[in-house]
Amino acid sequence: MSNPYSYSSSDNPDSTDTLFVTEYGITYLIYLTDAFGYFPDYPEFNFKIFMFGFKPDQTPNKSDPRVKDTILDFLSKYFNTKPDNALIFVCDTSDNRQDARFKMFNSWFDKNTKISVYNSSILKTNISFCDENDSNCAHASLIISAINPLLSEITSAFRELDESFKAKYQDD
């Protein structure tokens, strides 16, 4: 990670929102929400899984590598303080640009597979599902610390979500 933007969280200790402003004046929101409903059969980690996302307040006109650096820095610090948690990232499908988002997000991890977390790394597992014509796909990623003591169990449960995501996606 070469040059992340400075970012800050709300003054509220329970807040899960983090903001940063790019040199182009675009404000990004990094947010976490609970994912408790996805893992009710796994009480050992149900409350340690969160949905992760980020979004700009306007459509960026230029590619800005510092956005990637900032998101990866945020994730590294998050897992540094919460190595027992896991995050799920679902690519927004509202504008049919989910494939591009998925490709971009994957490229960030392909180039940064050894994000340092206590001399360990952050791992990412993907699931994707498409409509009956394979023309419209939805994508989700599990982001988890390699030192998470429930790594195997959480990863397996995430892979089982494939059917749940398919049902939710088909209802949208």
N, C-alpha and C. Protein backbone atom coordinates (compact mmCIF):
# COMPACT_ATOMS: atom_id res chain seq x y z
N MET A 1 0.86 -1.17 0.00
CA MET A 1 0.00 0.00 0.00
C MET A 1 0.90 1.22 0.00
N SER A 2 0.79 1.97 -1.02
CA SER A 2 1.76 3.03 -1.18
C SER A 2 1.35 4.36 -0.58
N ASN A 3 0.13 4.79 -0.79
CA ASN A 3 -0.19 6.16 -0.39
C ASN A 3 -1.68 6.31 -0.09
N PRO A 4 -2.15 5.75 1.03
CA PRO A 4 -3.58 5.89 1.33
C PRO A 4 -3.94 7.32 1.75
N TYR A 5 -5.19 7.67 1.51
CA TYR A 5 -5.71 8.93 2.02
C TYR A 5 -5.91 8.81 3.52
N SER A 6 -5.91 9.94 4.20
CA SER A 6 -6.28 9.94 5.62
C SER A 6 -7.77 9.69 5.69
N TYR A 7 -8.18 8.95 6.68
CA TYR A 7 -9.61 8.68 6.86
C TYR A 7 -9.94 8.73 8.33
N SER A 8 -11.22 8.97 8.59
CA SER A 8 -11.65 9.09 9.98
C SER A 8 -13.03 8.48 10.14
N SER A 9 -13.26 7.99 11.34
CA SER A 9 -14.55 7.43 11.69
C SER A 9 -15.34 8.46 12.46
N SER A 10 -16.62 8.21 12.59
CA SER A 10 -17.50 9.08 13.34
C SER A 10 -17.02 9.17 14.79
N ASP A 11 -17.39 10.25 15.46
CA ASP A 11 -17.07 10.39 16.88
C ASP A 11 -17.86 9.42 17.74
N ASN A 12 -18.92 8.86 17.19
CA ASN A 12 -19.74 7.90 17.91
C ASN A 12 -18.99 6.58 17.99
N PRO A 13 -18.72 6.06 19.21
CA PRO A 13 -17.95 4.82 19.31
C PRO A 13 -18.64 3.61 18.69
N ASP A 14 -19.96 3.66 18.51
CA ASP A 14 -20.68 2.55 17.90
C ASP A 14 -20.78 2.68 16.38
N SER A 15 -20.25 3.76 15.83
CA SER A 15 -20.36 4.00 14.40
C SER A 15 -19.48 3.02 13.62
N THR A 16 -19.99 2.62 12.49
CA THR A 16 -19.22 1.75 11.60
C THR A 16 -18.90 2.46 10.30
N ASP A 17 -19.10 3.77 10.26
CA ASP A 17 -18.86 4.55 9.04
C ASP A 17 -17.52 5.27 9.11
N THR A 18 -16.78 5.22 8.02
CA THR A 18 -15.49 5.88 7.90
C THR A 18 -15.52 6.70 6.61
N LEU A 19 -14.94 7.89 6.65
CA LEU A 19 -14.94 8.78 5.49
C LEU A 19 -13.51 9.14 5.09
N PHE A 20 -13.32 9.35 3.79
CA PHE A 20 -12.09 9.96 3.31
C PHE A 20 -12.41 10.77 2.07
N VAL A 21 -11.60 11.79 1.81
CA VAL A 21 -11.80 12.69 0.68
C VAL A 21 -10.58 12.57 -0.23
N THR A 22 -10.82 12.38 -1.52
CA THR A 22 -9.72 12.26 -2.48
C THR A 22 -9.20 13.63 -2.87
N GLU A 23 -8.06 13.63 -3.54
CA GLU A 23 -7.50 14.90 -4.02
C GLU A 23 -8.38 15.54 -5.08
N TYR A 24 -9.36 14.78 -5.62
CA TYR A 24 -10.28 15.29 -6.61
C TYR A 24 -11.58 15.78 -5.99
N GLY A 25 -11.62 15.80 -4.64
CA GLY A 25 -12.80 16.31 -3.94
C GLY A 25 -13.95 15.33 -3.81
N ILE A 26 -13.70 14.07 -4.07
CA ILE A 26 -14.75 13.06 -3.94
C ILE A 26 -14.68 12.45 -2.55
N THR A 27 -15.80 12.43 -1.85
CA THR A 27 -15.86 11.84 -0.52
C THR A 27 -16.33 10.39 -0.64
N TYR A 28 -15.57 9.50 -0.04
CA TYR A 28 -15.92 8.08 0.00
C TYR A 28 -16.38 7.70 1.38
N LEU A 29 -17.40 6.88 1.42
CA LEU A 29 -17.89 6.30 2.66
C LEU A 29 -17.50 4.82 2.67
N ILE A 30 -16.82 4.40 3.73
CA ILE A 30 -16.56 2.98 3.98
C ILE A 30 -17.51 2.60 5.10
N TYR A 31 -18.29 1.56 4.89
CA TYR A 31 -19.30 1.23 5.90
C TYR A 31 -19.32 -0.26 6.21
N LEU A 32 -19.75 -0.57 7.41
CA LEU A 32 -19.95 -1.94 7.87
C LEU A 32 -21.36 -2.04 8.41
N THR A 33 -22.03 -3.12 8.08
CA THR A 33 -23.35 -3.40 8.65
C THR A 33 -23.35 -4.86 9.07
N ASP A 34 -24.26 -5.20 9.95
CA ASP A 34 -24.26 -6.58 10.43
C ASP A 34 -24.72 -7.54 9.35
N ALA A 35 -24.22 -8.76 9.45
CA ALA A 35 -24.62 -9.83 8.54
C ALA A 35 -25.17 -10.99 9.35
N PHE A 36 -25.72 -10.66 10.50
CA PHE A 36 -26.17 -11.69 11.44
C PHE A 36 -27.17 -12.65 10.82
N GLY A 37 -28.02 -12.16 9.98
CA GLY A 37 -29.06 -12.99 9.39
C GLY A 37 -28.55 -14.06 8.44
N TYR A 38 -27.31 -13.93 7.99
CA TYR A 38 -26.78 -14.89 7.04
C TYR A 38 -26.27 -16.18 7.69
N PHE A 39 -25.96 -16.13 8.98
CA PHE A 39 -25.34 -17.27 9.64
C PHE A 39 -26.05 -17.69 10.94
N PRO A 40 -27.37 -17.78 10.95
CA PRO A 40 -28.07 -18.11 12.20
C PRO A 40 -27.75 -19.51 12.71
N ASP A 41 -27.29 -20.40 11.85
CA ASP A 41 -26.96 -21.76 12.27
C ASP A 41 -25.55 -21.88 12.82
N TYR A 42 -24.86 -20.75 12.92
CA TYR A 42 -23.47 -20.75 13.39
C TYR A 42 -23.30 -19.74 14.53
N PRO A 43 -23.83 -20.04 15.71
CA PRO A 43 -23.74 -19.08 16.82
C PRO A 43 -22.30 -18.78 17.24
N GLU A 44 -21.38 -19.68 16.93
CA GLU A 44 -19.98 -19.46 17.32
C GLU A 44 -19.35 -18.28 16.59
N PHE A 45 -19.90 -17.88 15.43
CA PHE A 45 -19.35 -16.72 14.74
C PHE A 45 -20.42 -15.83 14.10
N ASN A 46 -21.68 -16.12 14.29
CA ASN A 46 -22.75 -15.35 13.66
C ASN A 46 -22.60 -13.84 13.87
N PHE A 47 -22.18 -13.44 15.06
CA PHE A 47 -22.10 -12.01 15.38
C PHE A 47 -20.71 -11.43 15.12
N LYS A 48 -19.89 -12.16 14.40
CA LYS A 48 -18.55 -11.67 14.05
C LYS A 48 -18.40 -11.48 12.54
N ILE A 49 -19.52 -11.53 11.83
CA ILE A 49 -19.51 -11.36 10.37
C ILE A 49 -20.25 -10.06 10.04
N PHE A 50 -19.64 -9.24 9.21
CA PHE A 50 -20.22 -7.95 8.85
C PHE A 50 -20.19 -7.77 7.33
N MET A 51 -21.16 -7.03 6.84
CA MET A 51 -21.16 -6.63 5.43
C MET A 51 -20.23 -5.42 5.33
N PHE A 52 -19.42 -5.39 4.30
CA PHE A 52 -18.45 -4.33 4.08
C PHE A 52 -18.75 -3.70 2.72
N GLY A 53 -18.67 -2.38 2.66
CA GLY A 53 -18.85 -1.71 1.39
C GLY A 53 -18.22 -0.33 1.40
N PHE A 54 -18.14 0.25 0.24
CA PHE A 54 -17.64 1.62 0.11
C PHE A 54 -18.30 2.25 -1.11
N LYS A 55 -18.49 3.55 -1.04
CA LYS A 55 -19.12 4.23 -2.18
C LYS A 55 -18.72 5.70 -2.18
N PRO A 56 -18.58 6.27 -3.39
CA PRO A 56 -18.27 7.69 -3.52
C PRO A 56 -19.56 8.51 -3.48
N ASP A 57 -19.42 9.80 -3.13
CA ASP A 57 -20.59 10.67 -3.12
C ASP A 57 -20.94 11.18 -4.52
N GLN A 58 -20.07 10.91 -5.48
CA GLN A 58 -20.32 11.26 -6.88
C GLN A 58 -19.50 10.31 -7.75
N THR A 59 -19.84 10.21 -9.01
CA THR A 59 -19.13 9.30 -9.91
C THR A 59 -17.75 9.87 -10.21
N PRO A 60 -16.70 9.11 -9.89
CA PRO A 60 -15.34 9.59 -10.18
C PRO A 60 -15.11 9.70 -11.68
N ASN A 61 -14.39 10.75 -12.09
CA ASN A 61 -14.05 10.95 -13.50
C ASN A 61 -12.72 10.33 -13.87
N LYS A 62 -11.87 10.09 -12.85
CA LYS A 62 -10.53 9.58 -13.09
C LYS A 62 -10.29 8.37 -12.20
N SER A 63 -9.43 7.49 -12.68
CA SER A 63 -8.98 6.38 -11.85
C SER A 63 -8.02 6.94 -10.80
N ASP A 64 -8.20 6.54 -9.57
CA ASP A 64 -7.38 7.06 -8.47
C ASP A 64 -6.85 5.87 -7.67
N PRO A 65 -5.58 5.48 -7.87
CA PRO A 65 -5.03 4.33 -7.16
C PRO A 65 -5.00 4.50 -5.65
N ARG A 66 -5.07 5.74 -5.19
CA ARG A 66 -5.06 5.96 -3.74
C ARG A 66 -6.36 5.49 -3.09
N VAL A 67 -7.45 5.38 -3.86
CA VAL A 67 -8.69 4.82 -3.31
C VAL A 67 -8.44 3.37 -2.92
N LYS A 68 -7.85 2.59 -3.83
CA LYS A 68 -7.49 1.20 -3.53
C LYS A 68 -6.58 1.15 -2.31
N ASP A 69 -5.54 1.99 -2.28
CA ASP A 69 -4.61 2.01 -1.16
C ASP A 69 -5.33 2.28 0.16
N THR A 70 -6.31 3.17 0.11
CA THR A 70 -7.04 3.54 1.32
C THR A 70 -7.93 2.40 1.79
N ILE A 71 -8.64 1.77 0.86
CA ILE A 71 -9.52 0.65 1.22
C ILE A 71 -8.68 -0.49 1.80
N LEU A 72 -7.56 -0.82 1.17
CA LEU A 72 -6.72 -1.91 1.66
C LEU A 72 -6.09 -1.56 3.01
N ASP A 73 -5.72 -0.30 3.20
CA ASP A 73 -5.20 0.14 4.50
C ASP A 73 -6.28 -0.01 5.58
N PHE A 74 -7.50 0.40 5.24
CA PHE A 74 -8.62 0.25 6.18
C PHE A 74 -8.79 -1.22 6.57
N LEU A 75 -8.79 -2.11 5.57
CA LEU A 75 -8.98 -3.54 5.85
C LEU A 75 -7.84 -4.09 6.71
N SER A 76 -6.63 -3.69 6.41
CA SER A 76 -5.49 -4.15 7.19
C SER A 76 -5.63 -3.73 8.66
N LYS A 77 -5.97 -2.47 8.87
CA LYS A 77 -6.13 -1.98 10.25
C LYS A 77 -7.33 -2.63 10.92
N TYR A 78 -8.40 -2.84 10.17
CA TYR A 78 -9.58 -3.49 10.73
C TYR A 78 -9.21 -4.88 11.27
N PHE A 79 -8.55 -5.68 10.45
CA PHE A 79 -8.20 -7.03 10.88
C PHE A 79 -7.07 -7.06 11.90
N ASN A 80 -6.30 -5.99 11.95
CA ASN A 80 -5.28 -5.88 12.99
C ASN A 80 -5.94 -5.77 14.37
N THR A 81 -7.08 -5.08 14.43
CA THR A 81 -7.78 -4.91 15.71
C THR A 81 -8.89 -5.94 15.93
N LYS A 82 -9.37 -6.56 14.87
CA LYS A 82 -10.48 -7.52 14.97
C LYS A 82 -10.18 -8.78 14.15
N PRO A 83 -9.13 -9.52 14.49
CA PRO A 83 -8.75 -10.68 13.67
C PRO A 83 -9.76 -11.82 13.70
N ASP A 84 -10.66 -11.81 14.67
CA ASP A 84 -11.67 -12.88 14.76
C ASP A 84 -12.93 -12.58 13.95
N ASN A 85 -13.01 -11.38 13.37
CA ASN A 85 -14.16 -11.02 12.55
C ASN A 85 -13.92 -11.38 11.09
N ALA A 86 -14.98 -11.32 10.31
CA ALA A 86 -14.89 -11.51 8.87
C ALA A 86 -15.84 -10.53 8.20
N LEU A 87 -15.54 -10.19 6.95
CA LEU A 87 -16.34 -9.24 6.20
C LEU A 87 -16.83 -9.88 4.91
N ILE A 88 -18.04 -9.49 4.50
CA ILE A 88 -18.59 -9.91 3.22
C ILE A 88 -18.79 -8.67 2.37
N PHE A 89 -18.25 -8.70 1.16
CA PHE A 89 -18.40 -7.62 0.20
C PHE A 89 -19.27 -8.12 -0.94
N VAL A 90 -20.38 -7.44 -1.19
CA VAL A 90 -21.27 -7.79 -2.30
C VAL A 90 -21.23 -6.65 -3.31
N CYS A 91 -20.93 -6.98 -4.53
CA CYS A 91 -20.87 -5.96 -5.58
C CYS A 91 -22.28 -5.45 -5.89
N ASP A 92 -22.44 -4.14 -5.88
CA ASP A 92 -23.71 -3.50 -6.18
C ASP A 92 -24.17 -3.89 -7.58
N THR A 93 -25.44 -4.28 -7.70
CA THR A 93 -26.00 -4.69 -8.99
C THR A 93 -26.97 -3.66 -9.57
N SER A 94 -27.15 -2.54 -8.90
CA SER A 94 -28.21 -1.60 -9.28
C SER A 94 -28.03 -0.99 -10.67
N ASP A 95 -26.79 -0.88 -11.14
CA ASP A 95 -26.56 -0.27 -12.45
C ASP A 95 -25.94 -1.25 -13.45
N ASN A 96 -26.00 -2.55 -13.13
CA ASN A 96 -25.46 -3.60 -13.99
C ASN A 96 -23.95 -3.48 -14.23
N ARG A 97 -23.23 -2.86 -13.29
CA ARG A 97 -21.77 -2.75 -13.42
C ARG A 97 -21.06 -3.65 -12.40
N GLN A 98 -21.78 -4.65 -11.89
CA GLN A 98 -21.22 -5.52 -10.86
C GLN A 98 -20.02 -6.33 -11.36
N ASP A 99 -20.01 -6.73 -12.63
CA ASP A 99 -18.88 -7.49 -13.16
C ASP A 99 -17.60 -6.64 -13.14
N ALA A 100 -17.72 -5.38 -13.52
CA ALA A 100 -16.56 -4.48 -13.50
C ALA A 100 -16.09 -4.25 -12.07
N ARG A 101 -17.03 -4.08 -11.14
CA ARG A 101 -16.66 -3.90 -9.73
C ARG A 101 -15.94 -5.13 -9.20
N PHE A 102 -16.46 -6.29 -9.55
CA PHE A 102 -15.87 -7.55 -9.10
C PHE A 102 -14.45 -7.71 -9.65
N LYS A 103 -14.28 -7.42 -10.92
CA LYS A 103 -12.96 -7.52 -11.54
C LYS A 103 -11.98 -6.56 -10.87
N MET A 104 -12.42 -5.33 -10.61
CA MET A 104 -11.55 -4.35 -9.98
C MET A 104 -11.19 -4.78 -8.56
N PHE A 105 -12.18 -5.18 -7.77
CA PHE A 105 -11.94 -5.57 -6.40
C PHE A 105 -11.00 -6.78 -6.34
N ASN A 106 -11.19 -7.74 -7.23
CA ASN A 106 -10.29 -8.90 -7.28
C ASN A 106 -8.87 -8.49 -7.63
N SER A 107 -8.72 -7.53 -8.55
CA SER A 107 -7.38 -7.11 -8.95
C SER A 107 -6.64 -6.46 -7.77
N TRP A 108 -7.36 -5.80 -6.89
CA TRP A 108 -6.71 -5.21 -5.72
C TRP A 108 -6.06 -6.28 -4.87
N PHE A 109 -6.72 -7.40 -4.74
CA PHE A 109 -6.18 -8.48 -3.91
C PHE A 109 -5.14 -9.29 -4.66
N ASP A 110 -5.28 -9.43 -5.97
CA ASP A 110 -4.27 -10.16 -6.74
C ASP A 110 -2.91 -9.47 -6.63
N LYS A 111 -2.93 -8.16 -6.59
CA LYS A 111 -1.68 -7.39 -6.50
C LYS A 111 -1.22 -7.22 -5.06
N ASN A 112 -2.07 -7.51 -4.10
CA ASN A 112 -1.74 -7.27 -2.69
C ASN A 112 -2.10 -8.49 -1.84
N THR A 113 -1.68 -9.66 -2.27
CA THR A 113 -2.08 -10.87 -1.57
C THR A 113 -1.47 -11.00 -0.19
N LYS A 114 -0.45 -10.26 0.09
CA LYS A 114 0.19 -10.34 1.40
C LYS A 114 0.00 -9.03 2.17
N ILE A 115 -1.25 -8.66 2.37
CA ILE A 115 -1.54 -7.50 3.19
C ILE A 115 -1.19 -7.88 4.62
N SER A 116 -0.29 -7.16 5.24
CA SER A 116 0.23 -7.53 6.54
C SER A 116 -0.81 -7.37 7.65
N VAL A 117 -1.02 -8.43 8.38
CA VAL A 117 -1.86 -8.42 9.58
C VAL A 117 -1.15 -9.34 10.56
N TYR A 118 -0.44 -8.75 11.50
CA TYR A 118 0.33 -9.56 12.44
C TYR A 118 1.18 -10.59 11.71
N ASN A 119 1.89 -10.14 10.70
CA ASN A 119 2.73 -11.01 9.88
C ASN A 119 1.93 -12.13 9.22
N SER A 120 0.70 -11.89 8.98
CA SER A 120 -0.15 -12.86 8.31
C SER A 120 -0.73 -12.18 7.09
N SER A 121 -1.86 -12.66 6.61
CA SER A 121 -2.46 -12.03 5.45
C SER A 121 -3.97 -12.07 5.52
N ILE A 122 -4.57 -11.29 4.64
CA ILE A 122 -6.02 -11.28 4.50
C ILE A 122 -6.34 -12.18 3.31
N LEU A 123 -7.28 -13.06 3.52
CA LEU A 123 -7.68 -13.99 2.47
C LEU A 123 -9.03 -13.58 1.92
N LYS A 124 -9.27 -13.91 0.66
CA LYS A 124 -10.55 -13.58 0.03
C LYS A 124 -11.06 -14.81 -0.70
N THR A 125 -12.33 -15.12 -0.48
CA THR A 125 -13.01 -16.22 -1.15
C THR A 125 -14.21 -15.63 -1.87
N ASN A 126 -14.45 -16.04 -3.11
CA ASN A 126 -15.53 -15.48 -3.91
C ASN A 126 -16.63 -16.51 -4.16
N ILE A 127 -17.84 -15.99 -4.27
CA ILE A 127 -18.94 -16.76 -4.83
C ILE A 127 -19.63 -15.87 -5.86
N SER A 128 -20.10 -16.47 -6.92
CA SER A 128 -20.83 -15.76 -7.97
C SER A 128 -21.97 -16.64 -8.42
N PHE A 129 -23.03 -16.02 -8.83
CA PHE A 129 -24.15 -16.76 -9.38
C PHE A 129 -24.81 -15.91 -10.45
N CYS A 130 -25.31 -16.59 -11.46
CA CYS A 130 -25.84 -15.90 -12.63
C CYS A 130 -27.28 -16.32 -12.88
N ASP A 131 -27.96 -15.51 -13.68
CA ASP A 131 -29.32 -15.87 -14.07
C ASP A 131 -29.27 -17.08 -15.01
N GLU A 132 -30.43 -17.53 -15.40
CA GLU A 132 -30.51 -18.74 -16.22
C GLU A 132 -29.80 -18.62 -17.56
N ASN A 133 -29.57 -17.41 -18.05
CA ASN A 133 -28.87 -17.20 -19.32
C ASN A 133 -27.38 -16.92 -19.14
N ASP A 134 -26.92 -16.94 -17.89
CA ASP A 134 -25.54 -16.59 -17.56
C ASP A 134 -25.16 -15.20 -18.07
N SER A 135 -26.15 -14.33 -18.17
CA SER A 135 -25.86 -13.00 -18.70
C SER A 135 -25.82 -11.93 -17.60
N ASN A 136 -26.39 -12.21 -16.46
CA ASN A 136 -26.41 -11.24 -15.38
C ASN A 136 -25.98 -11.96 -14.11
N CYS A 137 -24.81 -11.59 -13.60
CA CYS A 137 -24.25 -12.29 -12.44
C CYS A 137 -24.17 -11.35 -11.24
N ALA A 138 -24.23 -11.94 -10.06
CA ALA A 138 -23.99 -11.23 -8.82
C ALA A 138 -22.77 -11.87 -8.17
N HIS A 139 -22.03 -11.06 -7.44
CA HIS A 139 -20.76 -11.53 -6.88
C HIS A 139 -20.64 -11.10 -5.42
N ALA A 140 -20.05 -11.97 -4.62
CA ALA A 140 -19.78 -11.66 -3.22
C ALA A 140 -18.41 -12.22 -2.86
N SER A 141 -17.75 -11.56 -1.92
CA SER A 141 -16.44 -12.00 -1.45
C SER A 141 -16.43 -12.04 0.06
N LEU A 142 -15.82 -13.07 0.59
CA LEU A 142 -15.54 -13.16 2.02
C LEU A 142 -14.11 -12.66 2.21
N ILE A 143 -13.94 -11.73 3.12
CA ILE A 143 -12.62 -11.19 3.43
C ILE A 143 -12.36 -11.55 4.89
N ILE A 144 -11.25 -12.25 5.14
CA ILE A 144 -11.01 -12.79 6.47
C ILE A 144 -9.51 -12.86 6.73
N SER A 145 -9.14 -12.68 7.98
CA SER A 145 -7.74 -12.79 8.36
C SER A 145 -7.31 -14.25 8.33
N ALA A 146 -6.11 -14.49 7.86
CA ALA A 146 -5.57 -15.85 7.82
C ALA A 146 -5.36 -16.41 9.22
N ILE A 147 -5.35 -15.55 10.22
CA ILE A 147 -5.15 -16.03 11.60
C ILE A 147 -6.47 -16.17 12.35
N ASN A 148 -7.58 -16.01 11.68
CA ASN A 148 -8.88 -16.19 12.33
C ASN A 148 -8.98 -17.64 12.79
N PRO A 149 -9.26 -17.86 14.09
CA PRO A 149 -9.30 -19.26 14.58
C PRO A 149 -10.43 -20.09 13.96
N LEU A 150 -11.43 -19.45 13.38
CA LEU A 150 -12.55 -20.16 12.76
C LEU A 150 -12.52 -20.03 11.24
N LEU A 151 -11.34 -19.82 10.69
CA LEU A 151 -11.18 -19.60 9.25
C LEU A 151 -11.88 -20.67 8.42
N SER A 152 -11.62 -21.93 8.69
CA SER A 152 -12.22 -23.01 7.89
C SER A 152 -13.73 -23.04 8.01
N GLU A 153 -14.24 -22.89 9.24
CA GLU A 153 -15.68 -22.95 9.47
C GLU A 153 -16.40 -21.78 8.79
N ILE A 154 -15.83 -20.57 8.92
CA ILE A 154 -16.46 -19.39 8.32
C ILE A 154 -16.42 -19.49 6.80
N THR A 155 -15.30 -19.92 6.25
CA THR A 155 -15.17 -20.05 4.80
C THR A 155 -16.17 -21.08 4.27
N SER A 156 -16.31 -22.20 4.96
CA SER A 156 -17.28 -23.22 4.53
C SER A 156 -18.70 -22.68 4.59
N ALA A 157 -19.03 -21.98 5.67
CA ALA A 157 -20.38 -21.41 5.81
C ALA A 157 -20.64 -20.37 4.72
N PHE A 158 -19.63 -19.59 4.37
CA PHE A 158 -19.78 -18.61 3.30
C PHE A 158 -20.07 -19.29 1.97
N ARG A 159 -19.37 -20.35 1.69
CA ARG A 159 -19.61 -21.07 0.43
C ARG A 159 -21.02 -21.64 0.40
N GLU A 160 -21.56 -22.01 1.56
CA GLU A 160 -22.94 -22.50 1.63
C GLU A 160 -23.95 -21.39 1.35
N LEU A 161 -23.53 -20.15 1.51
CA LEU A 161 -24.42 -19.01 1.26
C LEU A 161 -24.82 -18.89 -0.20
N ASP A 162 -24.11 -19.56 -1.05
CA ASP A 162 -24.40 -19.47 -2.48
C ASP A 162 -25.89 -19.61 -2.76
N GLU A 163 -26.53 -20.58 -2.14
CA GLU A 163 -27.96 -20.79 -2.36
C GLU A 163 -28.79 -19.64 -1.79
N SER A 164 -28.40 -19.13 -0.61
CA SER A 164 -29.13 -18.00 -0.02
C SER A 164 -29.03 -16.76 -0.89
N PHE A 165 -27.81 -16.47 -1.39
CA PHE A 165 -27.63 -15.32 -2.25
C PHE A 165 -28.42 -15.48 -3.54
N LYS A 166 -28.45 -16.69 -4.10
CA LYS A 166 -29.22 -16.92 -5.31
C LYS A 166 -30.69 -16.58 -5.09
N ALA A 167 -31.25 -17.03 -3.97
CA ALA A 167 -32.66 -16.78 -3.69
C ALA A 167 -32.91 -15.28 -3.52
N LYS A 168 -32.03 -14.60 -2.79
CA LYS A 168 -32.20 -13.16 -2.58
C LYS A 168 -32.06 -12.41 -3.90
N TYR A 169 -31.07 -12.79 -4.71
CA TYR A 169 -30.82 -12.13 -5.98
C TYR A 169 -31.98 -12.31 -6.93
N GLN A 170 -32.58 -13.49 -6.95
CA GLN A 170 -33.70 -13.75 -7.85
C GLN A 170 -34.95 -12.99 -7.41
N ASP A 171 -35.04 -12.64 -6.12
CA ASP A 171 -36.18 -11.88 -5.62
C ASP A 171 -36.09 -10.39 -5.96
N ASP A 172 -34.87 -9.90 -6.21
CA ASP A 172 -34.67 -8.46 -6.49
C ASP A 172 -35.21 -8.05 -7.83
